[in-house]
Amino acid sequence: QGQLLVNYIGHGSTQIWNGNLLTSTDAWSLTNSPYLPFLVSMTCLNGFFQDPYSESLAETFLKAERGGAVAVWTSSGLTLPGEQLPMNLELIRLLFNGEGLTIGEAVMRAKQATTNSDIRRTWILFGDPTLKLR
């Protein structure tokens, strides 16, 4: 029931996807519980958790009371889209290749698909790294 994985690729910022495609307000109002997906957001700044005065989109997805996401993997900084794609493709391959990896193991191995050290450092997994998709 519901989506196992949501994979967004596009422009974004601390609290939005491309313009107003999806905002923190939208994420907060989701009603997809108890079927929470693993959210992968190939965009800039959705994981910018360092600001004490606002909540990142990743944090909102995790805190939404009636829905949201079980875990989020996204960037806490500015990144280049072309450098993200190999990492994204590797993550999807690792999650669905039948090895039964946890999302933490898949994320760690997917980061090896990019040579860009900024992307490796700024991509953060929000949630329990021992979760397995099923």
N, C-alpha and C. Protein backbone atom coordinates (compact mmCIF):
# COMPACT_ATOMS: atom_id res chain seq x y z
N GLN A 1 0.84 -1.18 0.00
CA GLN A 1 0.00 0.00 0.00
C GLN A 1 0.88 1.24 0.00
N GLY A 2 0.65 2.15 -0.90
CA GLY A 2 1.43 3.38 -0.94
C GLY A 2 2.74 3.20 -1.68
N GLN A 3 3.53 4.26 -1.71
CA GLN A 3 4.80 4.27 -2.43
C GLN A 3 5.93 3.80 -1.53
N LEU A 4 6.79 2.96 -2.06
CA LEU A 4 7.96 2.48 -1.34
C LEU A 4 9.08 3.52 -1.39
N LEU A 5 9.21 4.16 -2.56
CA LEU A 5 10.28 5.12 -2.79
C LEU A 5 9.74 6.31 -3.56
N VAL A 6 10.11 7.50 -3.13
CA VAL A 6 9.84 8.72 -3.89
C VAL A 6 11.20 9.29 -4.24
N ASN A 7 11.45 9.52 -5.53
CA ASN A 7 12.75 9.99 -6.00
C ASN A 7 12.54 11.27 -6.80
N TYR A 8 12.83 12.41 -6.18
CA TYR A 8 12.70 13.71 -6.85
C TYR A 8 14.05 14.13 -7.40
N ILE A 9 14.06 14.56 -8.66
CA ILE A 9 15.26 15.11 -9.29
C ILE A 9 14.87 16.45 -9.89
N GLY A 10 15.49 17.53 -9.41
CA GLY A 10 15.18 18.85 -9.94
C GLY A 10 15.70 19.93 -9.02
N HIS A 11 15.30 21.15 -9.30
CA HIS A 11 15.74 22.28 -8.48
C HIS A 11 15.00 22.28 -7.15
N GLY A 12 15.65 22.87 -6.16
CA GLY A 12 15.03 22.97 -4.85
C GLY A 12 15.83 23.89 -3.96
N SER A 13 15.30 24.11 -2.77
CA SER A 13 15.97 24.93 -1.77
C SER A 13 15.66 24.34 -0.40
N THR A 14 15.82 25.12 0.63
CA THR A 14 15.68 24.59 1.99
C THR A 14 14.29 24.03 2.28
N GLN A 15 13.25 24.64 1.73
CA GLN A 15 11.88 24.23 2.07
C GLN A 15 10.98 23.98 0.86
N ILE A 16 11.58 23.85 -0.33
CA ILE A 16 10.74 23.69 -1.53
C ILE A 16 11.39 22.78 -2.56
N TRP A 17 10.54 22.27 -3.46
CA TRP A 17 10.98 21.66 -4.71
C TRP A 17 10.57 22.61 -5.81
N ASN A 18 11.44 22.90 -6.74
CA ASN A 18 11.23 23.73 -7.93
C ASN A 18 10.03 24.67 -7.86
N GLY A 19 10.30 25.89 -7.46
CA GLY A 19 9.23 26.87 -7.31
C GLY A 19 8.34 26.46 -6.16
N ASN A 20 7.11 26.12 -6.47
CA ASN A 20 6.19 25.64 -5.43
C ASN A 20 5.63 24.26 -5.76
N LEU A 21 6.39 23.45 -6.49
CA LEU A 21 5.96 22.09 -6.80
C LEU A 21 5.59 21.35 -5.53
N LEU A 22 6.44 21.47 -4.50
CA LEU A 22 6.15 20.92 -3.19
C LEU A 22 6.86 21.79 -2.17
N THR A 23 6.14 22.16 -1.11
CA THR A 23 6.70 23.03 -0.08
C THR A 23 6.66 22.32 1.27
N SER A 24 7.28 22.92 2.26
CA SER A 24 7.22 22.37 3.62
C SER A 24 5.78 22.30 4.12
N THR A 25 4.97 23.28 3.76
CA THR A 25 3.56 23.28 4.15
C THR A 25 2.85 22.07 3.55
N ASP A 26 3.13 21.79 2.27
CA ASP A 26 2.55 20.61 1.62
C ASP A 26 2.99 19.33 2.32
N ALA A 27 4.28 19.24 2.63
CA ALA A 27 4.82 18.04 3.28
C ALA A 27 4.17 17.84 4.64
N TRP A 28 3.97 18.92 5.36
CA TRP A 28 3.37 18.84 6.70
C TRP A 28 1.93 18.35 6.63
N SER A 29 1.25 18.63 5.53
CA SER A 29 -0.16 18.27 5.43
C SER A 29 -0.41 16.91 4.77
N LEU A 30 0.63 16.15 4.46
CA LEU A 30 0.45 14.83 3.85
C LEU A 30 -0.28 13.88 4.81
N THR A 31 -1.09 13.00 4.24
CA THR A 31 -1.86 12.04 5.05
C THR A 31 -1.61 10.61 4.58
N ASN A 32 -0.36 10.28 4.31
CA ASN A 32 -0.02 8.96 3.79
C ASN A 32 0.41 7.96 4.86
N SER A 33 0.24 8.28 6.13
CA SER A 33 0.57 7.35 7.21
C SER A 33 -0.45 6.22 7.21
N PRO A 34 -0.08 5.01 7.46
CA PRO A 34 1.20 4.48 7.92
C PRO A 34 2.13 4.04 6.80
N TYR A 35 1.83 4.35 5.55
CA TYR A 35 2.62 3.90 4.40
C TYR A 35 3.62 4.98 3.99
N LEU A 36 4.69 5.08 4.75
CA LEU A 36 5.66 6.14 4.54
C LEU A 36 6.78 5.68 3.61
N PRO A 37 7.08 6.45 2.56
CA PRO A 37 8.13 6.07 1.63
C PRO A 37 9.52 6.50 2.11
N PHE A 38 10.52 5.94 1.50
CA PHE A 38 11.89 6.44 1.61
C PHE A 38 11.98 7.53 0.54
N LEU A 39 12.29 8.74 0.94
CA LEU A 39 12.33 9.88 0.03
C LEU A 39 13.77 10.19 -0.33
N VAL A 40 14.06 10.21 -1.62
CA VAL A 40 15.37 10.58 -2.13
C VAL A 40 15.17 11.87 -2.92
N SER A 41 15.85 12.92 -2.51
CA SER A 41 15.65 14.23 -3.12
C SER A 41 16.96 14.71 -3.72
N MET A 42 17.09 14.56 -5.04
CA MET A 42 18.30 14.98 -5.76
C MET A 42 18.17 16.47 -6.09
N THR A 43 18.43 17.27 -5.10
CA THR A 43 18.30 18.71 -5.23
C THR A 43 19.19 19.38 -4.20
N CYS A 44 19.28 20.68 -4.26
CA CYS A 44 20.10 21.43 -3.29
C CYS A 44 19.30 21.75 -2.03
N LEU A 45 19.98 21.72 -0.92
CA LEU A 45 19.54 22.33 0.34
C LEU A 45 18.31 21.74 1.03
N ASN A 46 17.67 20.71 0.51
CA ASN A 46 16.51 20.14 1.20
C ASN A 46 16.87 19.61 2.58
N GLY A 47 18.14 19.31 2.80
CA GLY A 47 18.59 18.80 4.08
C GLY A 47 19.36 19.81 4.91
N PHE A 48 19.16 21.09 4.63
CA PHE A 48 19.88 22.15 5.35
C PHE A 48 19.29 22.29 6.75
N PHE A 49 19.78 21.45 7.65
CA PHE A 49 19.23 21.38 9.00
C PHE A 49 19.91 22.34 9.97
N GLN A 50 20.95 23.03 9.54
CA GLN A 50 21.78 23.84 10.44
C GLN A 50 21.14 25.15 10.87
N ASP A 51 20.07 25.57 10.23
CA ASP A 51 19.44 26.85 10.55
C ASP A 51 18.53 26.69 11.77
N PRO A 52 18.86 27.34 12.89
CA PRO A 52 18.04 27.18 14.09
C PRO A 52 16.67 27.86 14.00
N TYR A 53 16.47 28.69 12.97
CA TYR A 53 15.22 29.45 12.86
C TYR A 53 14.22 28.86 11.87
N SER A 54 14.64 27.84 11.13
CA SER A 54 13.69 27.22 10.21
C SER A 54 13.99 25.73 10.11
N GLU A 55 13.04 25.01 9.58
CA GLU A 55 13.13 23.56 9.45
C GLU A 55 13.31 23.21 7.98
N SER A 56 14.24 22.33 7.69
CA SER A 56 14.45 21.91 6.30
C SER A 56 13.28 21.04 5.84
N LEU A 57 13.16 20.90 4.53
CA LEU A 57 12.11 20.06 3.98
C LEU A 57 12.28 18.61 4.45
N ALA A 58 13.51 18.15 4.55
CA ALA A 58 13.77 16.78 5.04
C ALA A 58 13.23 16.61 6.46
N GLU A 59 13.49 17.57 7.32
CA GLU A 59 13.00 17.50 8.70
C GLU A 59 11.47 17.49 8.74
N THR A 60 10.86 18.31 7.90
CA THR A 60 9.41 18.37 7.86
C THR A 60 8.82 17.03 7.43
N PHE A 61 9.41 16.39 6.42
CA PHE A 61 8.92 15.08 5.99
C PHE A 61 8.96 14.07 7.14
N LEU A 62 9.98 14.14 7.97
CA LEU A 62 10.10 13.19 9.07
C LEU A 62 9.17 13.51 10.24
N LYS A 63 8.87 14.78 10.44
CA LYS A 63 8.07 15.19 11.60
C LYS A 63 6.58 15.28 11.32
N ALA A 64 6.17 15.22 10.05
CA ALA A 64 4.75 15.34 9.71
C ALA A 64 3.95 14.29 10.47
N GLU A 65 2.93 14.72 11.17
CA GLU A 65 2.19 13.85 12.08
C GLU A 65 1.34 12.79 11.37
N ARG A 66 0.79 13.11 10.21
CA ARG A 66 -0.13 12.19 9.53
C ARG A 66 0.45 11.60 8.25
N GLY A 67 1.74 11.83 8.02
CA GLY A 67 2.34 11.33 6.79
C GLY A 67 3.79 11.75 6.68
N GLY A 68 4.23 11.91 5.45
CA GLY A 68 5.61 12.33 5.23
C GLY A 68 6.45 11.19 4.70
N ALA A 69 7.60 10.95 5.34
CA ALA A 69 8.53 9.92 4.89
C ALA A 69 9.12 9.19 6.08
N VAL A 70 9.51 7.93 5.87
CA VAL A 70 10.15 7.15 6.93
C VAL A 70 11.63 7.53 7.04
N ALA A 71 12.22 7.97 5.94
CA ALA A 71 13.61 8.43 5.91
C ALA A 71 13.78 9.32 4.69
N VAL A 72 14.77 10.19 4.74
CA VAL A 72 15.05 11.11 3.63
C VAL A 72 16.56 11.13 3.39
N TRP A 73 16.93 11.06 2.11
CA TRP A 73 18.34 11.22 1.73
C TRP A 73 18.42 12.39 0.78
N THR A 74 19.15 13.43 1.19
CA THR A 74 19.20 14.65 0.41
C THR A 74 20.45 15.45 0.78
N SER A 75 20.63 16.56 0.10
CA SER A 75 21.81 17.39 0.31
C SER A 75 21.57 18.49 1.33
N SER A 76 22.58 18.75 2.12
CA SER A 76 22.51 19.86 3.08
C SER A 76 23.18 21.11 2.52
N GLY A 77 23.64 21.05 1.27
CA GLY A 77 24.34 22.19 0.67
C GLY A 77 23.99 22.36 -0.79
N LEU A 78 24.73 23.23 -1.45
CA LEU A 78 24.57 23.45 -2.89
C LEU A 78 25.38 22.38 -3.62
N THR A 79 24.77 21.75 -4.60
CA THR A 79 25.45 20.69 -5.35
C THR A 79 25.14 20.80 -6.84
N LEU A 80 25.93 20.11 -7.64
CA LEU A 80 25.76 20.12 -9.09
C LEU A 80 24.94 18.91 -9.52
N PRO A 81 23.88 19.12 -10.33
CA PRO A 81 23.00 18.02 -10.71
C PRO A 81 23.72 16.89 -11.45
N GLY A 82 24.62 17.22 -12.34
CA GLY A 82 25.32 16.19 -13.11
C GLY A 82 26.13 15.25 -12.24
N GLU A 83 26.64 15.76 -11.15
CA GLU A 83 27.44 14.95 -10.23
C GLU A 83 26.56 14.07 -9.33
N GLN A 84 25.30 14.43 -9.19
CA GLN A 84 24.37 13.67 -8.35
C GLN A 84 23.83 12.43 -9.06
N LEU A 85 23.69 12.51 -10.37
CA LEU A 85 23.01 11.45 -11.12
C LEU A 85 23.65 10.07 -10.96
N PRO A 86 24.98 9.92 -11.09
CA PRO A 86 25.55 8.58 -10.90
C PRO A 86 25.26 8.01 -9.51
N MET A 87 25.28 8.87 -8.52
CA MET A 87 25.00 8.45 -7.15
C MET A 87 23.54 8.00 -7.01
N ASN A 88 22.64 8.74 -7.63
CA ASN A 88 21.22 8.41 -7.59
C ASN A 88 20.95 7.07 -8.27
N LEU A 89 21.51 6.88 -9.44
CA LEU A 89 21.32 5.63 -10.17
C LEU A 89 21.88 4.44 -9.39
N GLU A 90 23.03 4.63 -8.76
CA GLU A 90 23.64 3.56 -7.97
C GLU A 90 22.78 3.23 -6.75
N LEU A 91 22.21 4.24 -6.11
CA LEU A 91 21.34 3.99 -4.96
C LEU A 91 20.15 3.12 -5.36
N ILE A 92 19.50 3.47 -6.45
CA ILE A 92 18.34 2.72 -6.91
C ILE A 92 18.75 1.28 -7.23
N ARG A 93 19.88 1.12 -7.92
CA ARG A 93 20.36 -0.23 -8.25
C ARG A 93 20.61 -1.04 -6.98
N LEU A 94 21.27 -0.43 -5.99
CA LEU A 94 21.59 -1.13 -4.75
C LEU A 94 20.35 -1.50 -3.94
N LEU A 95 19.37 -0.62 -3.92
CA LEU A 95 18.16 -0.89 -3.14
C LEU A 95 17.32 -2.03 -3.73
N PHE A 96 17.39 -2.19 -5.05
CA PHE A 96 16.50 -3.15 -5.70
C PHE A 96 17.23 -4.29 -6.41
N ASN A 97 18.48 -4.55 -6.04
CA ASN A 97 19.24 -5.62 -6.71
C ASN A 97 19.10 -6.97 -6.02
N GLY A 98 18.31 -7.05 -4.96
CA GLY A 98 18.08 -8.32 -4.29
C GLY A 98 19.06 -8.65 -3.18
N GLU A 99 20.02 -7.77 -2.88
CA GLU A 99 20.99 -8.03 -1.81
C GLU A 99 20.40 -7.83 -0.42
N GLY A 100 19.30 -7.11 -0.33
CA GLY A 100 18.68 -6.87 0.97
C GLY A 100 19.45 -5.90 1.85
N LEU A 101 20.08 -4.92 1.23
CA LEU A 101 20.85 -3.93 1.98
C LEU A 101 19.94 -3.04 2.81
N THR A 102 20.45 -2.54 3.91
CA THR A 102 19.75 -1.49 4.64
C THR A 102 19.89 -0.20 3.84
N ILE A 103 19.05 0.79 4.15
CA ILE A 103 19.19 2.05 3.43
C ILE A 103 20.53 2.72 3.77
N GLY A 104 21.02 2.53 4.97
CA GLY A 104 22.32 3.08 5.35
C GLY A 104 23.45 2.47 4.53
N GLU A 105 23.42 1.15 4.35
CA GLU A 105 24.44 0.48 3.54
C GLU A 105 24.36 0.93 2.08
N ALA A 106 23.15 1.03 1.56
CA ALA A 106 22.97 1.46 0.17
C ALA A 106 23.44 2.89 -0.04
N VAL A 107 23.12 3.77 0.90
CA VAL A 107 23.56 5.17 0.81
C VAL A 107 25.08 5.25 0.85
N MET A 108 25.69 4.53 1.77
CA MET A 108 27.14 4.57 1.91
C MET A 108 27.82 4.09 0.62
N ARG A 109 27.31 3.03 0.04
CA ARG A 109 27.91 2.51 -1.19
C ARG A 109 27.59 3.39 -2.40
N ALA A 110 26.40 4.00 -2.41
CA ALA A 110 26.03 4.87 -3.53
C ALA A 110 26.92 6.11 -3.58
N LYS A 111 27.33 6.61 -2.44
CA LYS A 111 28.21 7.78 -2.41
C LYS A 111 29.53 7.52 -3.13
N GLN A 112 29.93 6.26 -3.23
CA GLN A 112 31.16 5.92 -3.93
C GLN A 112 31.04 6.09 -5.44
N ALA A 113 29.82 6.25 -5.94
CA ALA A 113 29.60 6.40 -7.38
C ALA A 113 29.94 7.80 -7.89
N THR A 114 30.15 8.74 -6.99
CA THR A 114 30.54 10.08 -7.42
C THR A 114 31.95 10.36 -6.94
N THR A 115 32.68 11.09 -7.76
CA THR A 115 34.04 11.48 -7.36
C THR A 115 34.06 12.86 -6.72
N ASN A 116 32.92 13.52 -6.68
CA ASN A 116 32.82 14.87 -6.14
C ASN A 116 32.77 14.81 -4.61
N SER A 117 33.83 15.27 -3.97
CA SER A 117 33.91 15.20 -2.51
C SER A 117 32.88 16.10 -1.83
N ASP A 118 32.50 17.22 -2.45
CA ASP A 118 31.47 18.08 -1.86
C ASP A 118 30.14 17.35 -1.77
N ILE A 119 29.80 16.60 -2.80
CA ILE A 119 28.55 15.85 -2.77
C ILE A 119 28.62 14.76 -1.71
N ARG A 120 29.72 14.07 -1.63
CA ARG A 120 29.86 13.03 -0.60
C ARG A 120 29.70 13.60 0.81
N ARG A 121 30.22 14.79 1.02
CA ARG A 121 30.16 15.40 2.36
C ARG A 121 28.80 16.02 2.69
N THR A 122 28.11 16.53 1.70
CA THR A 122 26.87 17.26 1.99
C THR A 122 25.61 16.39 1.97
N TRP A 123 25.69 15.19 1.41
CA TRP A 123 24.51 14.32 1.37
C TRP A 123 24.32 13.62 2.69
N ILE A 124 23.12 13.74 3.25
CA ILE A 124 22.82 13.25 4.59
C ILE A 124 21.60 12.33 4.56
N LEU A 125 21.68 11.25 5.32
CA LEU A 125 20.53 10.38 5.51
C LEU A 125 19.83 10.79 6.80
N PHE A 126 18.60 11.23 6.67
CA PHE A 126 17.76 11.55 7.83
C PHE A 126 16.90 10.32 8.09
N GLY A 127 17.04 9.71 9.23
CA GLY A 127 16.27 8.53 9.56
C GLY A 127 17.17 7.39 10.01
N ASP A 128 16.57 6.24 10.21
CA ASP A 128 17.26 5.07 10.74
C ASP A 128 18.03 4.35 9.63
N PRO A 129 19.36 4.32 9.69
CA PRO A 129 20.14 3.67 8.63
C PRO A 129 19.98 2.15 8.59
N THR A 130 19.38 1.56 9.62
CA THR A 130 19.21 0.10 9.63
C THR A 130 17.90 -0.36 8.97
N LEU A 131 17.10 0.59 8.49
CA LEU A 131 15.84 0.23 7.82
C LEU A 131 16.11 -0.49 6.51
N LYS A 132 15.24 -1.42 6.19
CA LYS A 132 15.26 -2.10 4.90
C LYS A 132 13.95 -1.83 4.19
N LEU A 133 14.01 -1.59 2.89
CA LEU A 133 12.79 -1.41 2.11
C LEU A 133 12.18 -2.78 1.86
N ARG A 134 10.87 -2.85 1.96
CA ARG A 134 10.19 -4.12 1.67
C ARG A 134 8.85 -3.87 1.05
